[in-house]
Amino acid sequence: MAKKEISGYVKLQINGGQANPAPPVGPALGQRGINIMDFCKAFNEKTKAFMGKPVPVIITVYKDKKFDFVIKSPPASHFIKEAAKLKSGSQEPGRNIVASITKKQVEEIAKKKMKDLNAHDIEQASKIIAGSARSMGIEVKE
């Protein structure tokens, strides 16, 4: 099979199972010449498990207007806010601590995010997640 020539990439963050042709999806894909409805149907089918959660997606666009896409897991900040039962992080991280999560919760989030993180083991991944929590004004307790 001949190698397809890539014309570019499109990175989007869409709620799982809720892609539709409205902005931001429509304009981002339309300017690349991708069939928007084909993408929306395929994306919604693949992301039913993440219904309502923000899901990063990287779309590879080929010269012949065909496309492939890779779905990542929801952002760490989403899982951290979910664990702390918050709508958003601190307005002044470092000064105001708005909530706290346990090391066990951090480890569970690290396991969910492991394939998307730049870490070799769960211990390193947990440190990355704990750092993200601290930058959101959320304390990590024993």
N, C-alpha and C. Protein backbone atom coordinates (compact mmCIF):
# COMPACT_ATOMS: atom_id res chain seq x y z
N MET A 1 0.84 -1.18 0.00
CA MET A 1 0.00 0.00 0.00
C MET A 1 0.88 1.25 0.00
N ALA A 2 0.60 2.16 -0.90
CA ALA A 2 1.39 3.38 -1.01
C ALA A 2 1.15 4.28 0.21
N LYS A 3 2.19 5.01 0.58
CA LYS A 3 2.09 5.92 1.70
C LYS A 3 1.25 7.13 1.29
N LYS A 4 0.29 7.51 2.14
CA LYS A 4 -0.54 8.69 1.85
C LYS A 4 0.25 9.95 2.21
N GLU A 5 0.07 10.99 1.40
CA GLU A 5 0.75 12.24 1.68
C GLU A 5 -0.09 13.09 2.63
N ILE A 6 0.53 13.47 3.73
CA ILE A 6 -0.18 14.24 4.76
C ILE A 6 -0.15 15.72 4.39
N SER A 7 -1.31 16.36 4.46
CA SER A 7 -1.35 17.80 4.17
C SER A 7 -1.37 18.62 5.46
N GLY A 8 -1.68 18.01 6.60
CA GLY A 8 -1.63 18.74 7.86
C GLY A 8 -2.34 18.03 8.99
N TYR A 9 -2.32 18.69 10.15
CA TYR A 9 -2.95 18.16 11.35
C TYR A 9 -3.90 19.20 11.91
N VAL A 10 -4.97 18.74 12.54
CA VAL A 10 -5.90 19.64 13.23
C VAL A 10 -6.05 19.09 14.64
N LYS A 11 -5.80 19.94 15.64
CA LYS A 11 -5.97 19.53 17.03
C LYS A 11 -7.19 20.24 17.59
N LEU A 12 -8.12 19.46 18.14
CA LEU A 12 -9.34 20.01 18.72
C LEU A 12 -9.61 19.36 20.07
N GLN A 13 -10.43 20.01 20.86
CA GLN A 13 -10.92 19.41 22.10
C GLN A 13 -12.44 19.50 22.06
N ILE A 14 -13.07 18.33 21.96
CA ILE A 14 -14.52 18.26 21.78
C ILE A 14 -15.10 17.40 22.89
N ASN A 15 -16.29 17.72 23.36
CA ASN A 15 -16.94 16.87 24.35
C ASN A 15 -17.27 15.52 23.72
N GLY A 16 -16.96 14.44 24.43
CA GLY A 16 -17.17 13.09 23.93
C GLY A 16 -18.60 12.83 23.50
N GLY A 17 -18.77 12.26 22.30
CA GLY A 17 -20.08 11.90 21.78
C GLY A 17 -20.93 13.10 21.38
N GLN A 18 -20.35 14.30 21.34
CA GLN A 18 -21.14 15.49 21.06
C GLN A 18 -20.56 16.35 19.94
N ALA A 19 -19.80 15.74 19.01
CA ALA A 19 -19.26 16.51 17.89
C ALA A 19 -20.40 16.85 16.94
N ASN A 20 -20.46 18.10 16.49
CA ASN A 20 -21.45 18.51 15.50
C ASN A 20 -20.81 19.55 14.57
N PRO A 21 -21.43 19.84 13.43
CA PRO A 21 -20.80 20.74 12.45
C PRO A 21 -20.69 22.20 12.88
N ALA A 22 -21.24 22.55 14.02
CA ALA A 22 -21.16 23.93 14.50
C ALA A 22 -19.72 24.26 14.92
N PRO A 23 -19.38 25.55 15.05
CA PRO A 23 -18.04 25.91 15.53
C PRO A 23 -17.77 25.26 16.88
N PRO A 24 -16.56 24.86 17.22
CA PRO A 24 -15.32 25.03 16.48
C PRO A 24 -15.04 23.93 15.46
N VAL A 25 -15.79 22.84 15.47
CA VAL A 25 -15.50 21.69 14.61
C VAL A 25 -15.67 22.02 13.13
N GLY A 26 -16.81 22.56 12.76
CA GLY A 26 -17.12 22.83 11.35
C GLY A 26 -16.08 23.67 10.65
N PRO A 27 -15.80 24.88 11.14
CA PRO A 27 -14.83 25.74 10.46
C PRO A 27 -13.42 25.14 10.41
N ALA A 28 -12.99 24.49 11.49
CA ALA A 28 -11.64 23.92 11.54
C ALA A 28 -11.47 22.84 10.48
N LEU A 29 -12.50 22.01 10.29
CA LEU A 29 -12.40 20.93 9.32
C LEU A 29 -12.76 21.40 7.91
N GLY A 30 -13.71 22.33 7.82
CA GLY A 30 -14.16 22.83 6.52
C GLY A 30 -13.04 23.48 5.73
N GLN A 31 -12.18 24.23 6.40
CA GLN A 31 -11.10 24.90 5.69
C GLN A 31 -10.03 23.93 5.20
N ARG A 32 -10.03 22.71 5.75
CA ARG A 32 -9.11 21.67 5.28
C ARG A 32 -9.75 20.79 4.21
N GLY A 33 -11.05 20.99 3.96
CA GLY A 33 -11.75 20.22 2.93
C GLY A 33 -12.22 18.85 3.39
N ILE A 34 -12.31 18.63 4.69
CA ILE A 34 -12.75 17.34 5.23
C ILE A 34 -14.28 17.30 5.25
N ASN A 35 -14.84 16.11 4.99
CA ASN A 35 -16.29 15.93 5.11
C ASN A 35 -16.63 15.97 6.61
N ILE A 36 -17.27 17.03 7.03
CA ILE A 36 -17.52 17.28 8.45
C ILE A 36 -18.44 16.22 9.06
N MET A 37 -19.49 15.85 8.35
CA MET A 37 -20.43 14.87 8.90
C MET A 37 -19.78 13.49 9.08
N ASP A 38 -18.90 13.10 8.15
CA ASP A 38 -18.19 11.82 8.30
C ASP A 38 -17.37 11.83 9.59
N PHE A 39 -16.66 12.95 9.82
CA PHE A 39 -15.84 13.04 11.04
C PHE A 39 -16.73 12.99 12.28
N CYS A 40 -17.81 13.78 12.28
CA CYS A 40 -18.68 13.84 13.46
C CYS A 40 -19.25 12.47 13.81
N LYS A 41 -19.71 11.72 12.80
CA LYS A 41 -20.27 10.38 13.04
C LYS A 41 -19.21 9.45 13.62
N ALA A 42 -18.02 9.44 13.00
CA ALA A 42 -16.94 8.55 13.46
C ALA A 42 -16.49 8.93 14.88
N PHE A 43 -16.33 10.23 15.13
CA PHE A 43 -15.88 10.69 16.45
C PHE A 43 -16.91 10.34 17.52
N ASN A 44 -18.17 10.63 17.26
CA ASN A 44 -19.22 10.35 18.24
C ASN A 44 -19.31 8.85 18.55
N GLU A 45 -19.11 8.02 17.54
CA GLU A 45 -19.15 6.56 17.72
C GLU A 45 -18.01 6.11 18.63
N LYS A 46 -16.78 6.65 18.39
CA LYS A 46 -15.61 6.23 19.16
C LYS A 46 -15.57 6.78 20.58
N THR A 47 -16.28 7.89 20.82
CA THR A 47 -16.16 8.54 22.13
C THR A 47 -17.41 8.40 23.01
N LYS A 48 -18.24 7.41 22.74
CA LYS A 48 -19.44 7.20 23.57
C LYS A 48 -19.07 6.99 25.04
N ALA A 49 -17.93 6.35 25.29
CA ALA A 49 -17.50 6.07 26.67
C ALA A 49 -17.16 7.35 27.43
N PHE A 50 -16.75 8.41 26.71
CA PHE A 50 -16.37 9.68 27.34
C PHE A 50 -17.49 10.71 27.23
N MET A 51 -18.74 10.28 27.15
CA MET A 51 -19.88 11.17 26.93
C MET A 51 -19.85 12.40 27.85
N GLY A 52 -19.81 13.59 27.25
CA GLY A 52 -19.85 14.83 28.00
C GLY A 52 -18.51 15.32 28.53
N LYS A 53 -17.47 14.48 28.49
CA LYS A 53 -16.16 14.89 28.98
C LYS A 53 -15.36 15.50 27.82
N PRO A 54 -14.52 16.49 28.09
CA PRO A 54 -13.70 17.06 27.02
C PRO A 54 -12.66 16.03 26.54
N VAL A 55 -12.61 15.79 25.23
CA VAL A 55 -11.71 14.79 24.68
C VAL A 55 -10.81 15.44 23.63
N PRO A 56 -9.49 15.48 23.86
CA PRO A 56 -8.59 15.99 22.84
C PRO A 56 -8.51 15.01 21.66
N VAL A 57 -8.47 15.54 20.45
CA VAL A 57 -8.38 14.69 19.26
C VAL A 57 -7.40 15.33 18.29
N ILE A 58 -6.54 14.49 17.69
CA ILE A 58 -5.61 14.97 16.67
C ILE A 58 -6.04 14.35 15.35
N ILE A 59 -6.42 15.20 14.39
CA ILE A 59 -6.91 14.73 13.10
C ILE A 59 -5.77 14.89 12.08
N THR A 60 -5.42 13.79 11.42
CA THR A 60 -4.42 13.82 10.36
C THR A 60 -5.16 13.97 9.04
N VAL A 61 -4.86 15.04 8.31
CA VAL A 61 -5.53 15.31 7.04
C VAL A 61 -4.58 14.94 5.90
N TYR A 62 -5.08 14.14 4.94
CA TYR A 62 -4.27 13.74 3.80
C TYR A 62 -4.58 14.59 2.58
N LYS A 63 -3.69 14.56 1.57
CA LYS A 63 -3.84 15.37 0.35
C LYS A 63 -5.15 15.07 -0.38
N ASP A 64 -5.61 13.80 -0.32
CA ASP A 64 -6.84 13.43 -1.04
C ASP A 64 -8.10 13.72 -0.22
N LYS A 65 -8.00 14.57 0.81
CA LYS A 65 -9.10 15.01 1.67
C LYS A 65 -9.64 13.92 2.60
N LYS A 66 -8.96 12.79 2.68
CA LYS A 66 -9.34 11.76 3.64
C LYS A 66 -8.67 12.11 4.97
N PHE A 67 -9.08 11.45 6.04
CA PHE A 67 -8.52 11.78 7.35
C PHE A 67 -8.50 10.57 8.26
N ASP A 68 -7.62 10.62 9.25
CA ASP A 68 -7.57 9.67 10.37
C ASP A 68 -7.56 10.53 11.62
N PHE A 69 -7.98 9.95 12.74
CA PHE A 69 -7.86 10.72 13.97
C PHE A 69 -7.49 9.84 15.15
N VAL A 70 -6.78 10.46 16.09
CA VAL A 70 -6.33 9.78 17.30
C VAL A 70 -7.01 10.48 18.48
N ILE A 71 -7.65 9.69 19.32
CA ILE A 71 -8.35 10.23 20.49
C ILE A 71 -7.45 10.05 21.72
N LYS A 72 -7.28 11.12 22.47
CA LYS A 72 -6.51 11.07 23.71
C LYS A 72 -7.52 10.94 24.86
N SER A 73 -6.99 10.71 26.07
CA SER A 73 -7.90 10.67 27.22
C SER A 73 -8.18 12.11 27.67
N PRO A 74 -9.29 12.34 28.37
CA PRO A 74 -9.61 13.70 28.82
C PRO A 74 -8.44 14.32 29.60
N PRO A 75 -8.34 15.65 29.61
CA PRO A 75 -7.22 16.31 30.29
C PRO A 75 -7.16 15.98 31.78
N ALA A 76 -5.94 16.02 32.32
CA ALA A 76 -5.73 15.75 33.75
C ALA A 76 -6.54 16.72 34.60
N SER A 77 -6.62 17.97 34.16
CA SER A 77 -7.37 18.97 34.94
C SER A 77 -8.84 18.58 35.09
N HIS A 78 -9.40 17.93 34.06
CA HIS A 78 -10.79 17.48 34.14
C HIS A 78 -10.95 16.42 35.23
N PHE A 79 -10.04 15.44 35.23
CA PHE A 79 -10.10 14.37 36.24
C PHE A 79 -9.86 14.93 37.65
N ILE A 80 -8.94 15.90 37.76
CA ILE A 80 -8.64 16.49 39.07
C ILE A 80 -9.86 17.24 39.60
N LYS A 81 -10.50 18.04 38.74
CA LYS A 81 -11.71 18.77 39.16
C LYS A 81 -12.82 17.80 39.54
N GLU A 82 -12.93 16.70 38.80
CA GLU A 82 -13.93 15.67 39.09
C GLU A 82 -13.67 15.06 40.47
N ALA A 83 -12.40 14.73 40.76
CA ALA A 83 -12.04 14.12 42.04
C ALA A 83 -12.28 15.08 43.20
N ALA A 84 -12.02 16.38 42.98
CA ALA A 84 -12.20 17.37 44.04
C ALA A 84 -13.62 17.92 44.07
N LYS A 85 -14.46 17.47 43.15
CA LYS A 85 -15.86 17.92 43.03
C LYS A 85 -15.94 19.45 42.89
N LEU A 86 -15.15 19.98 41.95
CA LEU A 86 -15.11 21.42 41.71
C LEU A 86 -15.55 21.74 40.28
N LYS A 87 -16.02 22.97 40.08
CA LYS A 87 -16.34 23.45 38.72
C LYS A 87 -15.08 24.01 38.05
N SER A 88 -14.21 24.68 38.84
CA SER A 88 -12.97 25.22 38.30
C SER A 88 -11.92 25.29 39.40
N GLY A 89 -10.67 25.49 38.99
CA GLY A 89 -9.58 25.58 39.95
C GLY A 89 -9.57 26.95 40.63
N SER A 90 -8.52 27.22 41.39
CA SER A 90 -8.37 28.47 42.13
C SER A 90 -8.13 29.63 41.17
N GLN A 91 -8.67 30.81 41.52
CA GLN A 91 -8.38 32.02 40.73
C GLN A 91 -6.95 32.48 40.99
N GLU A 92 -6.42 32.15 42.17
CA GLU A 92 -5.05 32.51 42.54
C GLU A 92 -4.31 31.27 43.04
N PRO A 93 -3.91 30.36 42.14
CA PRO A 93 -3.19 29.17 42.59
C PRO A 93 -1.88 29.56 43.30
N GLY A 94 -1.55 28.84 44.35
CA GLY A 94 -0.36 29.18 45.13
C GLY A 94 -0.71 30.04 46.33
N ARG A 95 -1.74 30.86 46.20
CA ARG A 95 -2.19 31.70 47.32
C ARG A 95 -3.44 31.10 47.96
N ASN A 96 -4.42 30.79 47.13
CA ASN A 96 -5.68 30.23 47.63
C ASN A 96 -5.75 28.74 47.30
N ILE A 97 -5.95 27.94 48.32
CA ILE A 97 -6.17 26.51 48.11
C ILE A 97 -7.68 26.29 48.18
N VAL A 98 -8.25 25.80 47.08
CA VAL A 98 -9.71 25.69 47.01
C VAL A 98 -10.23 24.30 47.40
N ALA A 99 -9.36 23.30 47.34
CA ALA A 99 -9.80 21.94 47.69
C ALA A 99 -8.58 21.07 47.92
N SER A 100 -8.83 19.81 48.23
CA SER A 100 -7.71 18.86 48.36
C SER A 100 -8.16 17.50 47.83
N ILE A 101 -7.17 16.76 47.33
CA ILE A 101 -7.42 15.39 46.89
C ILE A 101 -6.35 14.50 47.54
N THR A 102 -6.63 13.21 47.60
CA THR A 102 -5.70 12.29 48.26
C THR A 102 -4.69 11.73 47.27
N LYS A 103 -3.61 11.18 47.81
CA LYS A 103 -2.60 10.55 46.95
C LYS A 103 -3.20 9.38 46.18
N LYS A 104 -4.15 8.69 46.79
CA LYS A 104 -4.81 7.56 46.12
C LYS A 104 -5.58 8.05 44.89
N GLN A 105 -6.28 9.21 45.02
CA GLN A 105 -6.99 9.78 43.87
C GLN A 105 -6.01 10.19 42.78
N VAL A 106 -4.87 10.77 43.18
CA VAL A 106 -3.84 11.17 42.22
C VAL A 106 -3.35 9.95 41.46
N GLU A 107 -3.14 8.85 42.17
CA GLU A 107 -2.65 7.62 41.53
C GLU A 107 -3.68 7.07 40.54
N GLU A 108 -4.97 7.12 40.90
CA GLU A 108 -6.02 6.64 39.99
C GLU A 108 -6.06 7.48 38.71
N ILE A 109 -5.93 8.82 38.85
CA ILE A 109 -5.90 9.70 37.69
C ILE A 109 -4.68 9.39 36.83
N ALA A 110 -3.54 9.15 37.48
CA ALA A 110 -2.31 8.84 36.75
C ALA A 110 -2.47 7.55 35.94
N LYS A 111 -3.17 6.56 36.50
CA LYS A 111 -3.40 5.32 35.77
C LYS A 111 -4.26 5.56 34.53
N LYS A 112 -5.29 6.43 34.67
CA LYS A 112 -6.15 6.74 33.52
C LYS A 112 -5.37 7.49 32.43
N LYS A 113 -4.44 8.37 32.84
CA LYS A 113 -3.72 9.23 31.90
C LYS A 113 -2.39 8.65 31.44
N MET A 114 -2.00 7.49 31.95
CA MET A 114 -0.65 6.95 31.74
C MET A 114 -0.21 6.95 30.28
N LYS A 115 -1.06 6.53 29.35
CA LYS A 115 -0.62 6.42 27.96
C LYS A 115 -0.37 7.78 27.31
N ASP A 116 -0.95 8.86 27.86
CA ASP A 116 -0.75 10.20 27.30
C ASP A 116 0.36 10.98 28.01
N LEU A 117 0.86 10.46 29.14
CA LEU A 117 1.88 11.18 29.90
C LEU A 117 3.28 10.74 29.48
N ASN A 118 4.22 11.63 29.72
CA ASN A 118 5.62 11.34 29.40
C ASN A 118 6.31 10.78 30.65
N ALA A 119 5.87 9.59 31.06
CA ALA A 119 6.41 8.98 32.28
C ALA A 119 6.57 7.47 32.06
N HIS A 120 7.55 6.89 32.76
CA HIS A 120 7.81 5.46 32.60
C HIS A 120 7.03 4.59 33.57
N ASP A 121 6.67 5.13 34.73
CA ASP A 121 5.93 4.33 35.70
C ASP A 121 4.87 5.20 36.40
N ILE A 122 4.04 4.54 37.19
CA ILE A 122 2.93 5.22 37.87
C ILE A 122 3.43 6.26 38.86
N GLU A 123 4.57 5.99 39.50
CA GLU A 123 5.11 6.94 40.48
C GLU A 123 5.43 8.28 39.82
N GLN A 124 6.10 8.24 38.67
CA GLN A 124 6.42 9.47 37.94
C GLN A 124 5.16 10.16 37.42
N ALA A 125 4.22 9.36 36.91
CA ALA A 125 2.96 9.90 36.40
C ALA A 125 2.19 10.59 37.53
N SER A 126 2.24 10.01 38.73
CA SER A 126 1.56 10.59 39.89
C SER A 126 2.14 11.96 40.23
N LYS A 127 3.47 12.10 40.10
CA LYS A 127 4.12 13.39 40.37
C LYS A 127 3.64 14.45 39.37
N ILE A 128 3.48 14.05 38.11
CA ILE A 128 2.99 14.99 37.08
C ILE A 128 1.58 15.45 37.43
N ILE A 129 0.72 14.50 37.80
CA ILE A 129 -0.67 14.82 38.14
C ILE A 129 -0.73 15.69 39.39
N ALA A 130 0.11 15.38 40.40
CA ALA A 130 0.14 16.18 41.63
C ALA A 130 0.56 17.61 41.31
N GLY A 131 1.51 17.78 40.41
CA GLY A 131 1.95 19.11 39.99
C GLY A 131 0.83 19.87 39.31
N SER A 132 0.07 19.18 38.48
CA SER A 132 -1.08 19.81 37.80
C SER A 132 -2.10 20.27 38.84
N ALA A 133 -2.34 19.42 39.85
CA ALA A 133 -3.30 19.76 40.90
C ALA A 133 -2.83 21.01 41.66
N ARG A 134 -1.53 21.04 42.02
CA ARG A 134 -1.01 22.20 42.74
C ARG A 134 -1.15 23.48 41.91
N SER A 135 -0.93 23.37 40.60
CA SER A 135 -1.03 24.56 39.75
C SER A 135 -2.48 25.03 39.59
N MET A 136 -3.42 24.18 40.01
CA MET A 136 -4.84 24.57 39.98
C MET A 136 -5.31 25.05 41.35
N GLY A 137 -4.40 25.07 42.34
CA GLY A 137 -4.79 25.51 43.68
C GLY A 137 -5.45 24.40 44.48
N ILE A 138 -5.09 23.15 44.15
CA ILE A 138 -5.66 21.99 44.85
C ILE A 138 -4.53 21.26 45.57
N GLU A 139 -4.73 21.06 46.87
CA GLU A 139 -3.71 20.44 47.71
C GLU A 139 -3.78 18.92 47.58
N VAL A 140 -2.60 18.26 47.62
CA VAL A 140 -2.56 16.80 47.61
C VAL A 140 -2.20 16.32 49.01
N LYS A 141 -3.12 15.57 49.63
CA LYS A 141 -2.89 15.08 51.01
C LYS A 141 -2.57 13.59 51.00
N GLU A 142 -1.99 13.14 52.11
CA GLU A 142 -1.63 11.73 52.28
C GLU A 142 -2.84 10.83 52.15
